[in-house]
Amino acid sequence: MTGRFAMLGGFVLLLGAWWWSSRTPPEKEAPAPSKTMLGLAEDDVHSLRIQWQDKEPVVLRRNGTYWTLPNWNNYPADQTYANVLFRTLLTMPWGEVVSVPENKDAYGLSPAKRQVDLYNAQGSPVGSLLVGNPVGDYRTAFVRLPGSSRVRRVKADLIPSLSRISWARRSVWRLSESLIHSVTAAGFNNDFVVQREQEGGQWQLHGPVVQTLNDAFFTELLPFLIHPKAGNVIFEPEADFPVHASLRLKTSLTEMVLELGDLDGEIIQVRYADEPVIYQFSPRIRQLVARAVTTEISGDGR
């Protein structure tokens, strides 16, 4: 009898020990890595610094969803380009780790051909990415995190996003045609003044010489003046800029003037107001003005 109680007591003790051990919480696992490589949220990043091996770095600063170039007197950045790069960096996956080749530069990361540094609102660094060579269709790239030896193949639009000719806004302005009351071309071979009549809204030429308003004024020149967009923009706040010609628009509220430099070059430099940049246009501007209006030559050659 005593033996049975002893066996029963031992069984109860074992059962209790098992129950107590089952109550002990398991050892915590290491936290899983973030779903994205940089592991950053939108509010973590307020500026980007892009570096290349062969050109000057570019700094982009964000205020809400609006981006500027602080090193260009806060001139507006190209909002589409800046936002595409921003979203690409935030959503970039971890990708696939690749083997290290004998040629250390095979991936374009020794040294890196491109580097993007990310900063918070206080200007402190919160992340960095080294970007090397493209893969295949340029929608994939080799990348590496600073301090890591692991090279990854990542499917993200990094190469297109980091290959912009200019990060500056290239649009001088954008208007509705209905706001334009007159267009004046001066300094060209066929200067003219075209005004919209208040009654009926018809466009009429005004001036001392006989001229004909061509269809190209409506199909080519007006669309250009509604939204003049340069091929490139350069930061030249103090550059000497001799004006050779101008295109002047009057609206009900203001007057807007494009000041053009030498008209004979392959690139026509343009200034607008007191902006710290020079807009670079193709010689197409000359052609637009020439086709818009025909000036009749009088019998005495004038």
Protein backbone atom coordinates (compact mmCIF):
# COMPACT_ATOMS: atom_id res chain seq x y z
CA MET A 1 0.00 0.00 0.00
CA THR A 2 2.80 2.35 0.95
CA GLY A 3 4.53 1.56 -2.33
CA ARG A 4 1.41 2.43 -4.29
CA PHE A 5 1.13 5.81 -2.56
CA ALA A 6 4.79 6.47 -3.28
CA MET A 7 4.34 5.65 -6.94
CA LEU A 8 1.24 7.84 -7.11
CA GLY A 9 3.09 10.68 -5.40
CA GLY A 10 5.95 10.42 -7.85
CA PHE A 11 3.54 10.50 -10.78
CA VAL A 12 1.85 13.65 -9.39
CA LEU A 13 5.22 15.34 -9.02
CA LEU A 14 6.15 14.51 -12.61
CA LEU A 15 2.79 15.74 -13.85
CA GLY A 16 3.23 18.99 -11.91
CA ALA A 17 6.71 19.52 -13.30
CA TRP A 18 5.43 18.99 -16.84
CA TRP A 19 2.55 21.44 -16.25
CA TRP A 20 4.90 24.07 -14.84
CA SER A 21 7.35 23.72 -17.70
CA SER A 22 4.52 24.10 -20.20
CA ARG A 23 3.64 27.43 -18.57
CA THR A 24 7.15 28.83 -19.11
CA PRO A 25 7.09 31.11 -22.18
CA PRO A 26 9.32 29.96 -25.06
CA GLU A 27 12.51 31.83 -25.81
CA LYS A 28 11.87 34.85 -28.01
CA GLU A 29 12.90 34.54 -31.65
CA ALA A 30 15.07 37.14 -33.33
CA PRO A 31 12.96 39.85 -34.96
CA ALA A 32 12.29 39.33 -38.65
CA PRO A 33 13.98 41.76 -41.04
CA SER A 34 11.87 44.54 -42.55
CA LYS A 35 9.98 43.76 -45.72
CA THR A 36 11.95 46.41 -47.59
CA MET A 37 15.72 46.73 -47.80
CA LEU A 38 15.99 50.18 -46.24
CA GLY A 39 13.15 49.61 -43.76
CA LEU A 40 12.10 53.27 -43.81
CA ALA A 41 8.69 54.91 -43.77
CA GLU A 42 7.74 58.06 -45.67
CA ASP A 43 8.00 60.30 -42.60
CA ASP A 44 11.53 59.05 -41.90
CA VAL A 45 12.97 60.66 -45.03
CA HIS A 46 12.99 64.39 -45.83
CA SER A 47 15.96 64.73 -48.15
CA LEU A 48 18.05 62.69 -50.58
CA ARG A 49 21.63 63.14 -51.73
CA ILE A 50 22.56 61.43 -54.98
CA GLN A 51 26.21 60.93 -55.91
CA TRP A 52 27.74 59.71 -59.15
CA GLN A 53 31.34 58.98 -60.11
CA ASP A 54 31.36 61.40 -63.03
CA LYS A 55 29.21 64.42 -62.08
CA GLU A 56 28.24 66.73 -59.28
CA PRO A 57 25.94 65.40 -56.53
CA VAL A 58 22.31 66.45 -56.36
CA VAL A 59 20.37 67.17 -53.17
CA LEU A 60 16.57 66.90 -53.10
CA ARG A 61 14.57 68.20 -50.16
CA ARG A 62 10.95 67.30 -49.43
CA ASN A 63 8.24 69.45 -47.86
CA GLY A 64 5.16 67.27 -47.78
CA THR A 65 4.96 65.98 -51.34
CA TYR A 66 6.80 68.96 -52.84
CA TRP A 67 10.49 68.65 -53.70
CA THR A 68 13.06 71.43 -54.14
CA LEU A 69 16.77 71.74 -54.90
CA PRO A 70 18.27 73.49 -51.84
CA ASN A 71 21.63 73.98 -53.57
CA TRP A 72 19.82 75.80 -56.38
CA ASN A 73 18.26 78.48 -54.16
CA ASN A 74 15.35 76.09 -53.52
CA TYR A 75 14.38 76.05 -57.18
CA PRO A 76 11.61 73.44 -57.74
CA ALA A 77 12.71 69.92 -58.58
CA ASP A 78 11.02 67.82 -61.21
CA GLN A 79 8.22 66.50 -59.00
CA THR A 80 7.65 63.32 -61.02
CA TYR A 81 11.33 62.34 -61.04
CA ALA A 82 11.80 63.06 -57.34
CA ASN A 83 8.67 61.20 -56.23
CA VAL A 84 9.44 58.16 -58.41
CA LEU A 85 12.91 57.83 -56.87
CA PHE A 86 11.51 58.39 -53.37
CA ARG A 87 8.87 55.66 -53.76
CA THR A 88 11.36 53.30 -55.39
CA LEU A 89 13.74 53.59 -52.43
CA LEU A 90 11.00 53.12 -49.83
CA THR A 91 9.45 50.06 -51.48
CA MET A 92 12.63 48.35 -52.71
CA PRO A 93 12.67 44.64 -51.75
CA TRP A 94 15.65 42.76 -50.34
CA GLY A 95 16.25 40.99 -53.62
CA GLU A 96 18.54 38.03 -54.15
CA VAL A 97 22.07 37.64 -52.79
CA VAL A 98 24.56 36.93 -55.56
CA SER A 99 27.99 35.30 -55.35
CA VAL A 100 31.11 37.45 -55.24
CA PRO A 101 33.01 37.11 -58.54
CA GLU A 102 36.76 37.12 -58.96
CA ASN A 103 36.42 40.49 -60.68
CA LYS A 104 35.36 42.71 -57.79
CA ASP A 105 34.11 45.42 -60.16
CA ALA A 106 31.80 43.12 -62.14
CA TYR A 107 28.79 44.53 -60.29
CA GLY A 108 29.83 48.18 -60.50
CA LEU A 109 30.11 48.45 -56.72
CA SER A 110 33.88 48.72 -56.20
CA PRO A 111 33.57 51.66 -55.98
CA ALA A 112 29.84 52.20 -56.40
CA LYS A 113 28.79 54.00 -59.57
CA ARG A 114 25.92 55.63 -57.70
CA GLN A 115 25.12 56.27 -54.05
CA VAL A 116 21.94 57.60 -52.47
CA ASP A 117 22.00 58.90 -48.89
CA LEU A 118 18.75 59.53 -47.03
CA TYR A 119 18.24 62.07 -44.22
CA ASN A 120 15.50 62.87 -41.74
CA ALA A 121 13.93 66.26 -41.02
CA GLN A 122 16.84 67.22 -38.73
CA GLY A 123 19.41 66.43 -41.42
CA SER A 124 20.67 63.26 -39.75
CA PRO A 125 21.40 60.22 -41.96
CA VAL A 126 18.83 57.43 -41.75
CA GLY A 127 19.93 55.19 -44.61
CA SER A 128 22.20 54.75 -47.59
CA LEU A 129 22.31 52.59 -50.71
CA LEU A 130 25.10 51.78 -53.16
CA VAL A 131 23.87 51.15 -56.70
CA GLY A 132 26.00 49.40 -59.30
CA ASN A 133 25.44 48.04 -62.79
CA PRO A 134 22.05 47.41 -64.38
CA VAL A 135 20.83 43.91 -65.16
CA GLY A 136 19.05 42.98 -68.37
CA ASP A 137 16.28 45.49 -69.14
CA TYR A 138 17.58 48.10 -66.66
CA ARG A 139 14.63 47.40 -64.33
CA THR A 140 16.97 45.37 -62.12
CA ALA A 141 20.25 46.46 -60.55
CA PHE A 142 23.08 45.22 -58.36
CA VAL A 143 23.06 46.99 -54.99
CA ARG A 144 24.80 46.83 -51.65
CA LEU A 145 24.29 48.39 -48.25
CA PRO A 146 27.31 50.30 -46.89
CA GLY A 147 29.22 48.17 -44.41
CA SER A 148 27.89 44.93 -45.90
CA SER A 149 29.79 42.63 -48.25
CA ARG A 150 26.60 41.11 -49.63
CA VAL A 151 25.73 42.09 -53.18
CA ARG A 152 22.05 41.78 -54.07
CA ARG A 153 20.17 41.67 -57.33
CA VAL A 154 17.11 43.88 -56.82
CA LYS A 155 14.15 44.35 -59.13
CA ALA A 156 13.46 48.09 -58.87
CA ASP A 157 13.62 51.09 -61.21
CA LEU A 158 16.82 52.41 -59.68
CA ILE A 159 18.84 52.81 -62.88
CA PRO A 160 16.15 54.77 -64.79
CA SER A 161 15.41 56.85 -61.70
CA LEU A 162 19.09 57.77 -61.23
CA SER A 163 19.79 58.52 -64.91
CA ARG A 164 18.01 61.85 -65.30
CA ILE A 165 19.62 64.58 -67.40
CA SER A 166 18.27 67.19 -65.02
CA TRP A 167 16.51 67.01 -61.67
CA ALA A 168 15.22 70.57 -61.98
CA ARG A 169 11.74 71.54 -63.09
CA ARG A 170 11.95 72.14 -66.85
CA SER A 171 8.54 73.76 -67.26
CA VAL A 172 8.75 77.55 -67.25
CA TRP A 173 5.01 77.93 -66.69
CA ARG A 174 1.70 76.33 -67.55
CA LEU A 175 -1.28 78.46 -68.58
CA SER A 176 -4.75 78.13 -69.98
CA GLU A 177 -5.03 79.60 -73.48
CA SER A 178 -8.10 81.55 -72.42
CA LEU A 179 -5.94 83.63 -70.05
CA ILE A 180 -3.65 84.94 -72.80
CA HIS A 181 -4.66 88.34 -74.21
CA SER A 182 -1.68 89.12 -76.44
CA VAL A 183 1.58 87.68 -77.79
CA THR A 184 4.50 89.87 -78.83
CA ALA A 185 7.61 88.60 -80.62
CA ALA A 186 10.57 91.00 -80.67
CA GLY A 187 14.11 90.59 -81.99
CA PHE A 188 13.19 87.99 -84.62
CA ASN A 189 13.19 88.33 -88.40
CA ASN A 190 9.42 88.72 -88.36
CA ASP A 191 8.44 90.58 -85.20
CA PHE A 192 4.73 90.81 -84.52
CA VAL A 193 2.00 91.65 -82.02
CA VAL A 194 -1.10 89.45 -81.91
CA GLN A 195 -4.01 90.41 -79.67
CA ARG A 196 -7.22 88.65 -78.75
CA GLU A 197 -10.24 90.87 -79.37
CA GLN A 198 -12.51 91.36 -76.37
CA GLU A 199 -15.61 90.81 -78.46
CA GLY A 200 -15.68 87.40 -80.08
CA GLY A 201 -12.23 86.39 -78.82
CA GLN A 202 -10.67 86.45 -82.29
CA TRP A 203 -6.91 86.86 -82.65
CA GLN A 204 -5.80 89.86 -84.73
CA LEU A 205 -2.42 91.17 -85.85
CA HIS A 206 -1.51 94.73 -84.87
CA GLY A 207 1.39 96.67 -86.32
CA PRO A 208 2.63 99.04 -89.02
CA VAL A 209 3.55 96.33 -91.55
CA VAL A 210 1.35 94.03 -93.58
CA GLN A 211 1.32 90.55 -92.03
CA THR A 212 -0.69 87.35 -92.23
CA LEU A 213 -1.58 85.24 -89.20
CA ASN A 214 -0.95 81.62 -90.12
CA ASP A 215 -2.51 78.42 -88.80
CA ALA A 216 0.87 77.59 -87.22
CA PHE A 217 0.26 80.37 -84.68
CA PHE A 218 -2.66 78.33 -83.27
CA THR A 219 -1.31 74.81 -83.81
CA GLU A 220 2.36 75.33 -82.89
CA LEU A 221 3.28 78.63 -81.23
CA LEU A 222 0.31 78.99 -78.86
CA PRO A 223 0.64 75.42 -77.50
CA PHE A 224 4.33 76.09 -76.90
CA LEU A 225 3.62 79.35 -75.07
CA ILE A 226 0.91 77.75 -72.95
CA HIS A 227 3.48 75.29 -71.57
CA PRO A 228 7.09 76.06 -72.52
CA LYS A 229 9.22 73.12 -71.43
CA ALA A 230 13.01 73.20 -71.79
CA GLY A 231 15.22 70.31 -72.77
CA ASN A 232 17.58 71.09 -69.89
CA VAL A 233 18.00 73.52 -67.01
CA ILE A 234 21.29 74.80 -65.58
CA PHE A 235 21.91 76.72 -62.38
CA GLU A 236 23.42 80.10 -63.33
CA PRO A 237 22.13 82.76 -60.92
CA GLU A 238 24.90 85.28 -61.68
CA ALA A 239 25.54 84.59 -65.37
CA ASP A 240 25.81 87.53 -67.74
CA PHE A 241 22.88 87.16 -70.11
CA PRO A 242 22.66 89.44 -73.18
CA VAL A 243 19.09 89.43 -74.51
CA HIS A 244 18.72 89.07 -78.30
CA ALA A 245 14.97 88.49 -78.54
CA SER A 246 11.86 88.05 -76.41
CA LEU A 247 8.44 86.45 -76.37
CA ARG A 248 5.99 88.44 -74.27
CA LEU A 249 2.59 87.27 -73.07
CA LYS A 250 -0.03 89.46 -71.44
CA THR A 251 -2.83 88.07 -69.35
CA SER A 252 -5.55 89.82 -67.40
CA LEU A 253 -3.37 89.71 -64.29
CA THR A 254 0.26 89.89 -65.35
CA GLU A 255 2.89 90.02 -68.08
CA MET A 256 5.24 87.11 -68.69
CA VAL A 257 8.42 87.42 -70.74
CA LEU A 258 10.81 84.82 -72.09
CA GLU A 259 14.18 86.47 -72.71
CA LEU A 260 16.20 84.67 -75.37
CA GLY A 261 19.94 84.71 -75.90
CA ASP A 262 21.76 84.13 -79.19
CA LEU A 263 19.27 82.78 -81.74
CA ASP A 264 21.89 81.28 -84.06
CA GLY A 265 23.23 78.52 -81.82
CA GLU A 266 22.19 74.89 -81.59
CA ILE A 267 20.91 75.63 -78.08
CA ILE A 268 18.92 78.76 -77.29
CA GLN A 269 19.39 80.00 -73.74
CA VAL A 270 16.28 81.46 -72.09
CA ARG A 271 15.75 83.46 -68.91
CA TYR A 272 12.47 84.03 -67.14
CA ALA A 273 11.89 86.67 -64.44
CA ASP A 274 14.39 86.46 -61.57
CA GLU A 275 14.71 82.68 -61.49
CA PRO A 276 18.28 81.44 -60.76
CA VAL A 277 18.37 79.14 -63.79
CA ILE A 278 18.88 79.24 -67.54
CA TYR A 279 16.47 77.19 -69.61
CA GLN A 280 17.97 75.49 -72.64
CA PHE A 281 15.70 75.12 -75.67
CA SER A 282 16.28 73.75 -79.15
CA PRO A 283 16.31 76.09 -82.17
CA ARG A 284 12.71 75.03 -82.75
CA ILE A 285 11.69 78.31 -81.08
CA ARG A 286 12.93 80.19 -84.15
CA GLN A 287 10.87 77.97 -86.41
CA LEU A 288 7.72 78.39 -84.32
CA VAL A 289 7.95 82.16 -84.54
CA ALA A 290 8.82 82.13 -88.25
CA ARG A 291 5.85 79.93 -89.17
CA ALA A 292 3.33 81.75 -86.97
CA VAL A 293 3.22 84.97 -89.01
CA THR A 294 4.15 85.88 -92.57
CA THR A 295 5.44 89.41 -93.13
CA GLU A 296 4.70 90.85 -96.56
CA ILE A 297 7.65 92.49 -98.30
CA SER A 298 6.72 95.84 -99.82
CA GLY A 299 7.71 96.88 -103.32
CA ASP A 300 10.60 99.01 -102.05
CA GLY A 301 12.05 96.00 -100.16
CA ARG A 302 10.91 97.05 -96.73
